[in-house]
Amino acid sequence: MDILHLIDVLEEMVGEARKLPVGGSLMIPRQRLIDLIDRMRVAVPREVYDARELVEKRDEVLRGAQEEAAMLIAEAKARLEERLSETAVLQAAEQRARELTAQAQERAEELVRSAEQQARARLDDAQEASRAQMRESDVYSLQTLKRLEQELDGFLNTVRRGIDSLEQRVAERPGG
């Protein structure tokens, strides 16, 4: 029997059913309705059952696809977080490198300033020592020259006395 014919029979049954006085319900003989439902089940074409199986398989495939998609999304999120973490680590390392470079540059400049100050101080000390040595040298030279002058004056006086003595002897000798 054709399912559409059985639907028509059901419709007829509903149309012929007695109405209950309260609430608009109908009274249909129970056994007659159960027999009709059994005949409808038998009359359902195989395609409907196949379609039902297809729907169930489709639902199963969809569930699997959703699970796989959820897994892929979770995996992608994990990779993204890992890359973001790596990026954060890289950025932190770059920042630390910049800080260390700045500190090293600052330290190098400080060392250069300190070395320049020490060099200026040593140069000033050396110049002062040189001036002191020059003063000492000048004082020594002056003292030495004064002693030499005194000695030369003594020699000159001796030479003059010798000349005076010789001139006197020459003048005192006859024929002279």
C-alpha atoms as a PDB file:
ATOM      1  CA  MET A   1       0.000   0.000   0.000  1.00  0.00           C
ATOM      2  CA  ASP A   2       1.139   3.533  -0.764  1.00  0.00           C
ATOM      3  CA  ILE A   3       2.050   5.812   2.170  1.00  0.00           C
ATOM      4  CA  LEU A   4       0.090   8.686   0.685  1.00  0.00           C
ATOM      5  CA  HIS A   5      -3.066   6.515   0.612  1.00  0.00           C
ATOM      6  CA  LEU A   6      -2.512   5.629   4.286  1.00  0.00           C
ATOM      7  CA  ILE A   7      -2.167   9.330   5.138  1.00  0.00           C
ATOM      8  CA  ASP A   8      -5.532   9.877   3.414  1.00  0.00           C
ATOM      9  CA  VAL A   9      -7.038   7.065   5.542  1.00  0.00           C
ATOM     10  CA  LEU A  10      -5.664   8.767   8.693  1.00  0.00           C
ATOM     11  CA  GLU A  11      -7.163  12.036   7.607  1.00  0.00           C
ATOM     12  CA  GLU A  12     -10.536  10.327   7.052  1.00  0.00           C
ATOM     13  CA  MET A  13     -10.300   8.707  10.481  1.00  0.00           C
ATOM     14  CA  VAL A  14      -9.704  12.110  12.086  1.00  0.00           C
ATOM     15  CA  GLY A  15     -12.609  13.567  10.106  1.00  0.00           C
ATOM     16  CA  GLU A  16     -15.013  10.818  11.215  1.00  0.00           C
ATOM     17  CA  ALA A  17     -13.867  10.846  14.847  1.00  0.00           C
ATOM     18  CA  ARG A  18     -16.286  11.916  17.532  1.00  0.00           C
ATOM     19  CA  LYS A  19     -15.572  15.222  19.252  1.00  0.00           C
ATOM     20  CA  LEU A  20     -15.392  15.289  22.996  1.00  0.00           C
ATOM     21  CA  PRO A  21     -17.495  17.968  24.630  1.00  0.00           C
ATOM     22  CA  VAL A  22     -14.602  19.532  26.570  1.00  0.00           C
ATOM     23  CA  GLY A  23     -11.410  20.978  25.027  1.00  0.00           C
ATOM     24  CA  GLY A  24     -11.894  20.114  21.348  1.00  0.00           C
ATOM     25  CA  SER A  25     -10.281  16.642  21.602  1.00  0.00           C
ATOM     26  CA  LEU A  26     -11.247  13.736  19.338  1.00  0.00           C
ATOM     27  CA  MET A  27     -12.027  10.134  20.150  1.00  0.00           C
ATOM     28  CA  ILE A  28     -10.416   7.654  17.738  1.00  0.00           C
ATOM     29  CA  PRO A  29     -10.537   3.897  18.323  1.00  0.00           C
ATOM     30  CA  ARG A  30      -7.122   2.980  19.651  1.00  0.00           C
ATOM     31  CA  GLN A  31      -6.601  -0.362  17.912  1.00  0.00           C
ATOM     32  CA  ARG A  32      -7.696   1.016  14.564  1.00  0.00           C
ATOM     33  CA  LEU A  33      -5.091   3.857  14.932  1.00  0.00           C
ATOM     34  CA  ILE A  34      -2.300   1.409  15.950  1.00  0.00           C
ATOM     35  CA  ASP A  35      -3.080  -0.822  12.943  1.00  0.00           C
ATOM     36  CA  LEU A  36      -2.913   2.187  10.645  1.00  0.00           C
ATOM     37  CA  ILE A  37       0.428   3.267  12.100  1.00  0.00           C
ATOM     38  CA  ASP A  38       1.812  -0.262  11.591  1.00  0.00           C
ATOM     39  CA  ARG A  39       0.653  -0.262   7.949  1.00  0.00           C
ATOM     40  CA  MET A  40       2.248   3.195   7.494  1.00  0.00           C
ATOM     41  CA  ARG A  41       5.566   1.898   8.814  1.00  0.00           C
ATOM     42  CA  VAL A  42       5.483  -0.988   6.372  1.00  0.00           C
ATOM     43  CA  ALA A  43       4.514   1.355   3.551  1.00  0.00           C
ATOM     44  CA  VAL A  44       7.351   3.816   4.160  1.00  0.00           C
ATOM     45  CA  PRO A  45       9.618   3.537   1.133  1.00  0.00           C
ATOM     46  CA  ARG A  46      13.150   2.209   1.574  1.00  0.00           C
ATOM     47  CA  GLU A  47      14.442   5.600   0.397  1.00  0.00           C
ATOM     48  CA  VAL A  48      13.091   7.218   3.582  1.00  0.00           C
ATOM     49  CA  TYR A  49      15.074   4.772   5.724  1.00  0.00           C
ATOM     50  CA  ASP A  50      18.087   5.301   3.467  1.00  0.00           C
ATOM     51  CA  ALA A  51      17.622   9.043   3.825  1.00  0.00           C
ATOM     52  CA  ARG A  52      17.428   8.626   7.587  1.00  0.00           C
ATOM     53  CA  GLU A  53      20.683   6.657   7.553  1.00  0.00           C
ATOM     54  CA  LEU A  54      22.219   9.335   5.330  1.00  0.00           C
ATOM     55  CA  VAL A  55      21.132  12.023   7.764  1.00  0.00           C
ATOM     56  CA  GLU A  56      22.608  10.037  10.657  1.00  0.00           C
ATOM     57  CA  LYS A  57      25.855   9.512   8.725  1.00  0.00           C
ATOM     58  CA  ARG A  58      25.886  13.180   7.772  1.00  0.00           C
ATOM     59  CA  ASP A  59      25.425  14.110  11.434  1.00  0.00           C
ATOM     60  CA  GLU A  60      28.244  11.748  12.368  1.00  0.00           C
ATOM     61  CA  VAL A  61      30.508  13.231   9.680  1.00  0.00           C
ATOM     62  CA  LEU A  62      29.578  16.736  10.844  1.00  0.00           C
ATOM     63  CA  ARG A  63      30.388  15.830  14.446  1.00  0.00           C
ATOM     64  CA  GLY A  64      33.739  14.411  13.323  1.00  0.00           C
ATOM     65  CA  ALA A  65      34.419  17.487  11.206  1.00  0.00           C
ATOM     66  CA  GLN A  66      33.477  19.762  14.094  1.00  0.00           C
ATOM     67  CA  GLU A  67      35.740  17.818  16.437  1.00  0.00           C
ATOM     68  CA  GLU A  68      38.573  17.964  13.901  1.00  0.00           C
ATOM     69  CA  ALA A  69      37.930  21.668  13.321  1.00  0.00           C
ATOM     70  CA  ALA A  70      37.959  22.273  17.073  1.00  0.00           C
ATOM     71  CA  MET A  71      41.218  20.325  17.311  1.00  0.00           C
ATOM     72  CA  LEU A  72      42.740  22.300  14.427  1.00  0.00           C
ATOM     73  CA  ILE A  73      41.588  25.575  15.961  1.00  0.00           C
ATOM     74  CA  ALA A  74      43.060  24.582  19.328  1.00  0.00           C
ATOM     75  CA  GLU A  75      46.299  23.573  17.610  1.00  0.00           C
ATOM     76  CA  ALA A  76      46.391  26.845  15.662  1.00  0.00           C
ATOM     77  CA  LYS A  77      45.765  28.803  18.862  1.00  0.00           C
ATOM     78  CA  ALA A  78      48.555  26.898  20.593  1.00  0.00           C
ATOM     79  CA  ARG A  79      50.927  27.646  17.706  1.00  0.00           C
ATOM     80  CA  LEU A  80      49.882  31.281  17.721  1.00  0.00           C
ATOM     81  CA  GLU A  81      50.441  31.515  21.467  1.00  0.00           C
ATOM     82  CA  GLU A  82      53.817  29.823  21.029  1.00  0.00           C
ATOM     83  CA  ARG A  83      54.790  32.265  18.296  1.00  0.00           C
ATOM     84  CA  LEU A  84      53.515  35.170  20.345  1.00  0.00           C
ATOM     85  CA  SER A  85      55.510  33.833  23.265  1.00  0.00           C
ATOM     86  CA  GLU A  86      58.581  33.456  21.041  1.00  0.00           C
ATOM     87  CA  THR A  87      57.975  36.969  19.737  1.00  0.00           C
ATOM     88  CA  ALA A  88      57.660  38.240  23.294  1.00  0.00           C
ATOM     89  CA  VAL A  89      60.876  36.439  24.262  1.00  0.00           C
ATOM     90  CA  LEU A  90      62.603  37.828  21.175  1.00  0.00           C
ATOM     91  CA  GLN A  91      61.357  41.323  21.925  1.00  0.00           C
ATOM     92  CA  ALA A  92      62.481  40.992  25.534  1.00  0.00           C
ATOM     93  CA  ALA A  93      65.901  39.765  24.369  1.00  0.00           C
ATOM     94  CA  GLU A  94      66.180  42.645  21.899  1.00  0.00           C
ATOM     95  CA  GLN A  95      65.173  45.104  24.629  1.00  0.00           C
ATOM     96  CA  ARG A  96      67.752  43.572  26.991  1.00  0.00           C
ATOM     97  CA  ALA A  97      70.385  43.775  24.247  1.00  0.00           C
ATOM     98  CA  ARG A  98      69.532  47.453  23.720  1.00  0.00           C
ATOM     99  CA  GLU A  99      69.765  48.051  27.472  1.00  0.00           C
ATOM    100  CA  LEU A 100      73.104  46.235  27.699  1.00  0.00           C
ATOM    101  CA  THR A 101      74.413  48.149  24.679  1.00  0.00           C
ATOM    102  CA  ALA A 102      73.323  51.441  26.232  1.00  0.00           C
ATOM    103  CA  GLN A 103      74.918  50.471  29.556  1.00  0.00           C
ATOM    104  CA  ALA A 104      78.132  49.417  27.804  1.00  0.00           C
ATOM    105  CA  GLN A 105      78.168  52.671  25.813  1.00  0.00           C
ATOM    106  CA  GLU A 106      77.579  54.675  28.980  1.00  0.00           C
ATOM    107  CA  ARG A 107      80.319  52.739  30.804  1.00  0.00           C
ATOM    108  CA  ALA A 108      82.720  53.221  27.889  1.00  0.00           C
ATOM    109  CA  GLU A 109      82.004  56.967  27.845  1.00  0.00           C
ATOM    110  CA  GLU A 110      82.505  57.066  31.612  1.00  0.00           C
ATOM    111  CA  LEU A 111      85.835  55.224  31.252  1.00  0.00           C
ATOM    112  CA  VAL A 112      86.929  57.618  28.491  1.00  0.00           C
ATOM    113  CA  ARG A 113      85.989  60.626  30.651  1.00  0.00           C
ATOM    114  CA  SER A 114      87.838  59.127  33.602  1.00  0.00           C
ATOM    115  CA  ALA A 115      90.899  58.349  31.457  1.00  0.00           C
ATOM    116  CA  GLU A 116      90.858  61.885  30.027  1.00  0.00           C
ATOM    117  CA  GLN A 117      90.633  63.349  33.548  1.00  0.00           C
ATOM    118  CA  GLN A 118      93.489  61.141  34.725  1.00  0.00           C
ATOM    119  CA  ALA A 119      95.553  62.068  31.661  1.00  0.00           C
ATOM    120  CA  ARG A 120      94.900  65.794  32.266  1.00  0.00           C
ATOM    121  CA  ALA A 121      95.804  65.387  35.939  1.00  0.00           C
ATOM    122  CA  ARG A 122      99.016  63.521  35.051  1.00  0.00           C
ATOM    123  CA  LEU A 123      99.853  66.100  32.390  1.00  0.00           C
ATOM    124  CA  ASP A 124      99.250  68.904  34.895  1.00  0.00           C
ATOM    125  CA  ASP A 125     101.406  67.063  37.437  1.00  0.00           C
ATOM    126  CA  ALA A 126     104.121  66.483  34.820  1.00  0.00           C
ATOM    127  CA  GLN A 127     104.028  70.127  33.744  1.00  0.00           C
ATOM    128  CA  GLU A 128     104.241  71.263  37.367  1.00  0.00           C
ATOM    129  CA  ALA A 129     107.112  68.834  37.988  1.00  0.00           C
ATOM    130  CA  SER A 130     108.804  70.090  34.838  1.00  0.00           C
ATOM    131  CA  ARG A 131     108.412  73.714  35.962  1.00  0.00           C
ATOM    132  CA  ALA A 132     109.777  72.798  39.390  1.00  0.00           C
ATOM    133  CA  GLN A 133     112.749  71.019  37.801  1.00  0.00           C
ATOM    134  CA  MET A 134     113.311  74.002  35.511  1.00  0.00           C
ATOM    135  CA  ARG A 135     113.298  76.325  38.553  1.00  0.00           C
ATOM    136  CA  GLU A 136     115.694  74.017  40.382  1.00  0.00           C
ATOM    137  CA  SER A 137     117.860  73.788  37.284  1.00  0.00           C
ATOM    138  CA  ASP A 138     117.821  77.565  36.872  1.00  0.00           C
ATOM    139  CA  VAL A 139     118.726  78.053  40.566  1.00  0.00           C
ATOM    140  CA  TYR A 140     121.530  75.488  40.262  1.00  0.00           C
ATOM    141  CA  SER A 141     122.806  77.078  37.055  1.00  0.00           C
ATOM    142  CA  LEU A 142     122.690  80.550  38.620  1.00  0.00           C
ATOM    143  CA  GLN A 143     124.592  79.345  41.682  1.00  0.00           C
ATOM    144  CA  THR A 144     127.125  77.538  39.505  1.00  0.00           C
ATOM    145  CA  LEU A 145     127.626  80.605  37.288  1.00  0.00           C
ATOM    146  CA  LYS A 146     128.060  82.844  40.358  1.00  0.00           C
ATOM    147  CA  ARG A 147     130.683  80.464  41.774  1.00  0.00           C
ATOM    148  CA  LEU A 148     132.378  80.378  38.377  1.00  0.00           C
ATOM    149  CA  GLU A 149     132.258  84.175  38.253  1.00  0.00           C
ATOM    150  CA  GLN A 150     133.860  84.354  41.691  1.00  0.00           C
ATOM    151  CA  GLU A 151     136.549  81.900  40.663  1.00  0.00           C
ATOM    152  CA  LEU A 152     137.140  83.764  37.416  1.00  0.00           C
ATOM    153  CA  ASP A 153     137.289  87.037  39.345  1.00  0.00           C
ATOM    154  CA  GLY A 154     139.881  85.387  41.605  1.00  0.00           C
ATOM    155  CA  PHE A 155     141.851  84.160  38.553  1.00  0.00           C
ATOM    156  CA  LEU A 156     141.534  87.568  36.909  1.00  0.00           C
ATOM    157  CA  ASN A 157     142.771  89.270  40.065  1.00  0.00           C
ATOM    158  CA  THR A 158     145.666  86.817  40.220  1.00  0.00           C
ATOM    159  CA  VAL A 159     146.427  87.481  36.531  1.00  0.00           C
ATOM    160  CA  ARG A 160     146.288  91.273  37.112  1.00  0.00           C
ATOM    161  CA  ARG A 161     148.527  91.029  40.098  1.00  0.00           C
ATOM    162  CA  GLY A 162     150.917  88.891  38.043  1.00  0.00           C
ATOM    163  CA  ILE A 163     150.829  91.476  35.229  1.00  0.00           C
ATOM    164  CA  ASP A 164     151.295  94.322  37.691  1.00  0.00           C
ATOM    165  CA  SER A 165     154.179  92.473  39.309  1.00  0.00           C
ATOM    166  CA  LEU A 166     155.846  91.796  35.949  1.00  0.00           C
ATOM    167  CA  GLU A 167     155.372  95.364  34.785  1.00  0.00           C
ATOM    168  CA  GLN A 168     156.933  96.585  37.988  1.00  0.00           C
ATOM    169  CA  ARG A 169     159.931  94.290  37.569  1.00  0.00           C
ATOM    170  CA  VAL A 170     160.386  95.288  33.979  1.00  0.00           C
ATOM    171  CA  ALA A 171     160.219  98.957  34.935  1.00  0.00           C
ATOM    172  CA  GLU A 172     162.731  98.524  37.720  1.00  0.00           C
ATOM    173  CA  ARG A 173     165.423  96.905  35.593  1.00  0.00           C
ATOM    174  CA  PRO A 174     167.833  99.079  33.896  1.00  0.00           C
ATOM    175  CA  GLY A 175     167.757  99.374  30.206  1.00  0.00           C
ATOM    176  CA  GLY A 176     164.387  98.737  30.083  1.00  0.00           C
END
